[in-house]
């Protein structure tokens, strides 16, 4: 009985360590949307929120250049849920002097 209890404790300990390692690794890997990280997308947030957002910064334009713009176009309908103006978001490539994929 003592041996099976020890085995169960060891397996529980191993499971806890595995979950902690997986959680730590997940926290270190930022989410990616359309080939850019959420952290990078945050650089463009001021340029797509509010009624009269400011022009995008050079850092924001660098993010837009890295992004998969067709993928971003496909996400357009979801932007309003996050307080982001779809019109302002779709205008970012033009403001950054980046060609927009056909059909966006």
N, C-alpha and C. Protein backbone atom coordinates (compact mmCIF):
# COMPACT_ATOMS: atom_id res chain seq x y z
N UNK A 1 0.81 -1.18 0.00
CA UNK A 1 0.00 0.00 0.00
C UNK A 1 0.86 1.25 0.00
N UNK A 2 1.92 1.25 0.78
CA UNK A 2 2.80 2.41 0.85
C UNK A 2 3.46 2.67 -0.50
N UNK A 3 3.79 1.56 -1.21
CA UNK A 3 4.45 1.73 -2.50
C UNK A 3 3.52 2.38 -3.52
N UNK A 4 2.24 1.98 -3.58
CA UNK A 4 1.31 2.56 -4.54
C UNK A 4 1.01 4.02 -4.17
N UNK A 5 0.97 4.35 -2.89
CA UNK A 5 0.78 5.73 -2.44
C UNK A 5 1.96 6.59 -2.88
N UNK A 6 3.18 6.07 -2.73
CA UNK A 6 4.38 6.80 -3.15
C UNK A 6 4.38 7.00 -4.66
N UNK A 7 3.96 5.99 -5.40
CA UNK A 7 3.90 6.09 -6.86
C UNK A 7 2.88 7.15 -7.27
N UNK A 8 1.73 7.15 -6.59
CA UNK A 8 0.70 8.13 -6.90
C UNK A 8 1.19 9.55 -6.60
N UNK A 9 1.88 9.75 -5.50
CA UNK A 9 2.43 11.06 -5.15
C UNK A 9 3.45 11.50 -6.20
N UNK A 10 4.31 10.56 -6.62
CA UNK A 10 5.31 10.88 -7.63
C UNK A 10 4.65 11.29 -8.94
N UNK A 11 3.62 10.55 -9.38
CA UNK A 11 2.93 10.87 -10.62
C UNK A 11 2.22 12.21 -10.53
N UNK A 12 1.62 12.50 -9.39
CA UNK A 12 0.97 13.79 -9.19
C UNK A 12 1.98 14.92 -9.25
N UNK A 13 3.13 14.73 -8.61
CA UNK A 13 4.20 15.73 -8.63
C UNK A 13 4.68 15.95 -10.07
N UNK A 14 4.87 14.86 -10.82
CA UNK A 14 5.32 14.96 -12.21
C UNK A 14 4.30 15.71 -13.06
N UNK A 15 3.02 15.46 -12.83
CA UNK A 15 1.96 16.14 -13.56
C UNK A 15 1.97 17.64 -13.26
N UNK A 16 2.13 18.00 -12.00
CA UNK A 16 2.17 19.41 -11.61
C UNK A 16 3.35 20.11 -12.26
N UNK A 17 4.51 19.50 -12.26
CA UNK A 17 5.70 20.09 -12.87
C UNK A 17 5.49 20.26 -14.38
N UNK A 18 4.90 19.26 -15.02
CA UNK A 18 4.64 19.34 -16.46
C UNK A 18 3.70 20.50 -16.79
N UNK A 19 2.65 20.65 -16.01
CA UNK A 19 1.70 21.75 -16.23
C UNK A 19 2.38 23.09 -16.02
N UNK A 20 3.21 23.20 -15.00
CA UNK A 20 3.91 24.46 -14.75
C UNK A 20 4.86 24.80 -15.89
N UNK A 21 5.58 23.83 -16.40
CA UNK A 21 6.50 24.07 -17.51
C UNK A 21 5.73 24.51 -18.75
N UNK A 22 4.63 23.84 -19.03
CA UNK A 22 3.82 24.20 -20.20
C UNK A 22 3.25 25.60 -20.05
N UNK A 23 2.82 25.96 -18.86
CA UNK A 23 2.28 27.29 -18.61
C UNK A 23 3.35 28.35 -18.77
N UNK A 24 4.53 28.12 -18.25
CA UNK A 24 5.63 29.08 -18.37
C UNK A 24 5.99 29.28 -19.83
N UNK A 25 6.09 28.18 -20.58
CA UNK A 25 6.42 28.29 -22.00
C UNK A 25 5.34 29.03 -22.77
N UNK A 26 4.09 28.81 -22.43
CA UNK A 26 3.00 29.50 -23.11
C UNK A 26 3.04 31.00 -22.81
N UNK A 27 3.38 31.35 -21.59
CA UNK A 27 3.44 32.77 -21.22
C UNK A 27 4.57 33.49 -21.93
N UNK A 28 5.64 32.78 -22.25
CA UNK A 28 6.78 33.39 -22.92
C UNK A 28 6.56 33.53 -24.41
N UNK A 29 5.58 32.83 -24.97
CA UNK A 29 5.32 32.87 -26.39
C UNK A 29 4.09 33.74 -26.63
N UNK A 30 4.28 34.97 -27.13
CA UNK A 30 3.13 35.84 -27.34
C UNK A 30 2.25 35.32 -28.47
N UNK A 31 0.97 35.60 -28.36
CA UNK A 31 0.02 35.19 -29.39
C UNK A 31 0.35 35.89 -30.71
N UNK A 32 0.13 35.18 -31.80
CA UNK A 32 0.42 35.71 -33.13
C UNK A 32 -0.88 35.74 -33.93
N UNK A 33 -1.14 36.87 -34.54
CA UNK A 33 -2.29 37.02 -35.43
C UNK A 33 -1.78 37.58 -36.75
N UNK A 34 -2.09 36.89 -37.81
CA UNK A 34 -1.71 37.34 -39.17
C UNK A 34 -0.22 37.66 -39.27
N UNK A 35 0.59 36.80 -38.67
CA UNK A 35 2.05 36.84 -38.74
C UNK A 35 2.70 37.92 -37.88
N UNK A 36 1.94 38.57 -37.00
CA UNK A 36 2.52 39.54 -36.07
C UNK A 36 2.02 39.25 -34.66
N UNK A 37 2.85 39.57 -33.68
CA UNK A 37 2.47 39.30 -32.30
C UNK A 37 1.47 40.34 -31.80
N UNK A 38 0.74 39.95 -30.78
CA UNK A 38 -0.20 40.88 -30.15
C UNK A 38 0.55 42.11 -29.65
N UNK A 39 1.73 41.90 -29.08
CA UNK A 39 2.54 43.02 -28.59
C UNK A 39 2.86 44.00 -29.71
N UNK A 40 3.19 43.48 -30.89
CA UNK A 40 3.47 44.36 -32.03
C UNK A 40 2.21 45.10 -32.46
N UNK A 41 1.09 44.40 -32.49
CA UNK A 41 -0.16 45.03 -32.90
C UNK A 41 -0.54 46.18 -31.98
N UNK A 42 -0.15 46.08 -30.72
CA UNK A 42 -0.46 47.14 -29.76
C UNK A 42 0.15 48.47 -30.19
N UNK A 43 1.23 48.43 -30.96
CA UNK A 43 1.87 49.66 -31.43
C UNK A 43 0.94 50.46 -32.35
N UNK A 44 -0.01 49.79 -32.96
CA UNK A 44 -0.93 50.44 -33.89
C UNK A 44 -2.26 50.83 -33.24
N UNK A 45 -2.46 50.43 -32.02
CA UNK A 45 -3.75 50.68 -31.37
C UNK A 45 -4.18 52.14 -31.38
N UNK A 46 -3.31 53.10 -31.05
CA UNK A 46 -3.76 54.50 -31.07
C UNK A 46 -4.27 54.93 -32.45
N UNK A 47 -3.72 54.38 -33.51
CA UNK A 47 -4.08 54.79 -34.86
C UNK A 47 -5.39 54.19 -35.36
N UNK A 48 -6.01 53.32 -34.57
CA UNK A 48 -7.24 52.67 -35.03
C UNK A 48 -8.39 52.79 -34.01
N UNK A 49 -8.20 53.60 -32.98
CA UNK A 49 -9.25 53.74 -31.96
C UNK A 49 -9.75 55.18 -31.91
N UNK A 50 -11.01 55.32 -31.58
CA UNK A 50 -11.59 56.65 -31.44
C UNK A 50 -12.14 57.18 -32.75
N UNK A 51 -12.77 58.35 -32.66
CA UNK A 51 -13.40 58.94 -33.85
C UNK A 51 -12.39 59.57 -34.80
N UNK A 52 -11.34 60.15 -34.26
CA UNK A 52 -10.31 60.78 -35.10
C UNK A 52 -8.94 60.30 -34.63
N UNK A 53 -8.59 59.06 -34.98
CA UNK A 53 -7.30 58.54 -34.52
C UNK A 53 -6.14 59.27 -35.19
N UNK A 54 -4.99 59.36 -34.49
CA UNK A 54 -3.81 59.98 -35.09
C UNK A 54 -3.25 59.10 -36.20
N UNK A 55 -2.37 59.67 -36.99
CA UNK A 55 -1.69 58.89 -38.03
C UNK A 55 -0.85 57.81 -37.37
N UNK A 56 -0.61 56.70 -38.08
CA UNK A 56 0.22 55.64 -37.52
C UNK A 56 1.68 56.09 -37.38
N UNK A 57 2.32 55.59 -36.35
CA UNK A 57 3.73 55.90 -36.12
C UNK A 57 4.59 55.06 -37.06
N UNK A 58 5.87 55.41 -37.22
CA UNK A 58 6.77 54.57 -38.02
C UNK A 58 6.84 53.13 -37.48
N UNK A 59 6.78 52.97 -36.15
CA UNK A 59 6.80 51.62 -35.57
C UNK A 59 5.55 50.83 -35.97
N UNK A 60 4.41 51.51 -35.97
CA UNK A 60 3.17 50.87 -36.40
C UNK A 60 3.28 50.46 -37.87
N UNK A 61 3.80 51.33 -38.70
CA UNK A 61 3.95 51.01 -40.12
C UNK A 61 4.87 49.81 -40.33
N UNK A 62 5.88 49.68 -39.50
CA UNK A 62 6.78 48.52 -39.59
C UNK A 62 6.00 47.24 -39.28
N UNK A 63 5.09 47.31 -38.33
CA UNK A 63 4.25 46.16 -37.98
C UNK A 63 3.34 45.82 -39.16
N UNK A 64 2.74 46.83 -39.76
CA UNK A 64 1.84 46.61 -40.89
C UNK A 64 2.59 45.96 -42.04
N UNK A 65 3.85 46.35 -42.25
CA UNK A 65 4.66 45.74 -43.32
C UNK A 65 4.91 44.25 -43.06
N UNK A 66 5.04 43.87 -41.79
CA UNK A 66 5.29 42.46 -41.45
C UNK A 66 4.03 41.61 -41.52
N UNK A 67 2.88 42.24 -41.38
CA UNK A 67 1.61 41.51 -41.27
C UNK A 67 1.18 40.90 -42.59
N UNK A 68 0.41 39.84 -42.48
CA UNK A 68 -0.25 39.24 -43.64
C UNK A 68 -1.53 40.06 -43.85
N UNK A 69 -1.50 40.99 -44.78
CA UNK A 69 -2.60 41.94 -44.95
C UNK A 69 -3.89 41.27 -45.41
N UNK A 70 -3.79 40.22 -46.21
CA UNK A 70 -5.01 39.51 -46.61
C UNK A 70 -5.66 38.89 -45.38
N UNK A 71 -4.88 38.35 -44.51
CA UNK A 71 -5.39 37.80 -43.25
C UNK A 71 -6.05 38.90 -42.43
N UNK A 72 -5.42 40.06 -42.36
CA UNK A 72 -6.00 41.19 -41.62
C UNK A 72 -7.34 41.60 -42.23
N UNK A 73 -7.41 41.61 -43.55
CA UNK A 73 -8.68 41.96 -44.22
C UNK A 73 -9.77 40.97 -43.82
N UNK A 74 -9.42 39.72 -43.72
CA UNK A 74 -10.39 38.69 -43.35
C UNK A 74 -10.90 38.87 -41.91
N UNK A 75 -10.14 39.57 -41.08
CA UNK A 75 -10.53 39.79 -39.68
C UNK A 75 -11.31 41.09 -39.49
N UNK A 76 -11.51 41.85 -40.54
CA UNK A 76 -12.12 43.18 -40.46
C UNK A 76 -13.43 43.19 -39.68
N UNK A 77 -14.29 42.22 -39.91
CA UNK A 77 -15.60 42.22 -39.27
C UNK A 77 -15.52 42.03 -37.75
N UNK A 78 -14.40 41.53 -37.25
CA UNK A 78 -14.25 41.29 -35.82
C UNK A 78 -13.71 42.49 -35.05
N UNK A 79 -13.19 43.47 -35.74
CA UNK A 79 -12.47 44.57 -35.09
C UNK A 79 -13.35 45.42 -34.17
N UNK A 80 -14.59 45.68 -34.58
CA UNK A 80 -15.48 46.50 -33.78
C UNK A 80 -15.71 45.96 -32.38
N UNK A 81 -15.64 44.65 -32.23
CA UNK A 81 -15.82 44.01 -30.91
C UNK A 81 -14.78 44.47 -29.91
N UNK A 82 -13.64 44.93 -30.40
CA UNK A 82 -12.53 45.33 -29.54
C UNK A 82 -12.35 46.84 -29.48
N UNK A 83 -13.34 47.59 -29.97
CA UNK A 83 -13.26 49.04 -29.94
C UNK A 83 -12.37 49.62 -31.02
N UNK A 84 -12.06 48.80 -32.01
CA UNK A 84 -11.19 49.23 -33.11
C UNK A 84 -12.06 49.61 -34.30
N UNK A 85 -11.79 50.76 -34.89
CA UNK A 85 -12.52 51.20 -36.06
C UNK A 85 -12.06 50.39 -37.28
N UNK A 86 -12.95 49.58 -37.88
CA UNK A 86 -12.54 48.82 -39.07
C UNK A 86 -12.06 49.73 -40.19
N UNK A 87 -12.70 50.90 -40.35
CA UNK A 87 -12.28 51.82 -41.41
C UNK A 87 -10.86 52.32 -41.16
N UNK A 88 -10.56 52.69 -39.92
CA UNK A 88 -9.22 53.17 -39.60
C UNK A 88 -8.20 52.05 -39.78
N UNK A 89 -8.56 50.83 -39.38
CA UNK A 89 -7.64 49.70 -39.52
C UNK A 89 -7.35 49.41 -40.99
N UNK A 90 -8.38 49.47 -41.83
CA UNK A 90 -8.19 49.19 -43.26
C UNK A 90 -7.47 50.34 -43.96
N UNK A 91 -7.42 51.48 -43.30
CA UNK A 91 -6.73 52.65 -43.87
C UNK A 91 -5.23 52.66 -43.51
N UNK A 92 -4.82 51.85 -42.54
CA UNK A 92 -3.41 51.84 -42.11
C UNK A 92 -2.44 51.57 -43.25
N UNK A 93 -2.66 50.55 -44.07
CA UNK A 93 -1.68 50.30 -45.15
C UNK A 93 -1.50 51.52 -46.06
N UNK A 94 -2.61 52.15 -46.41
CA UNK A 94 -2.54 53.35 -47.28
C UNK A 94 -1.74 54.44 -46.59
N UNK A 95 -2.01 54.68 -45.30
CA UNK A 95 -1.29 55.71 -44.56
C UNK A 95 0.20 55.39 -44.44
N UNK A 96 0.51 54.10 -44.43
CA UNK A 96 1.91 53.66 -44.31
C UNK A 96 2.56 53.46 -45.68
N UNK A 97 1.80 53.80 -46.74
CA UNK A 97 2.30 53.67 -48.12
C UNK A 97 2.64 52.22 -48.47
N UNK A 98 1.71 51.33 -48.12
CA UNK A 98 1.86 49.90 -48.38
C UNK A 98 0.72 49.48 -49.29
N UNK A 99 1.01 48.70 -50.32
CA UNK A 99 -0.03 48.21 -51.23
C UNK A 99 -0.95 47.24 -50.50
N UNK A 100 -2.23 47.42 -50.73
CA UNK A 100 -3.25 46.57 -50.11
C UNK A 100 -3.59 45.43 -51.08
N UNK A 101 -3.74 44.21 -50.58
CA UNK A 101 -4.12 43.10 -51.46
C UNK A 101 -5.46 43.37 -52.14
N UNK A 102 -5.60 42.87 -53.34
CA UNK A 102 -6.85 43.01 -54.10
C UNK A 102 -7.99 42.38 -53.32
N UNK A 103 -9.09 43.08 -53.22
CA UNK A 103 -10.25 42.54 -52.55
C UNK A 103 -10.39 42.94 -51.10
N UNK A 104 -9.48 43.74 -50.59
CA UNK A 104 -9.59 44.21 -49.19
C UNK A 104 -10.47 45.44 -49.12
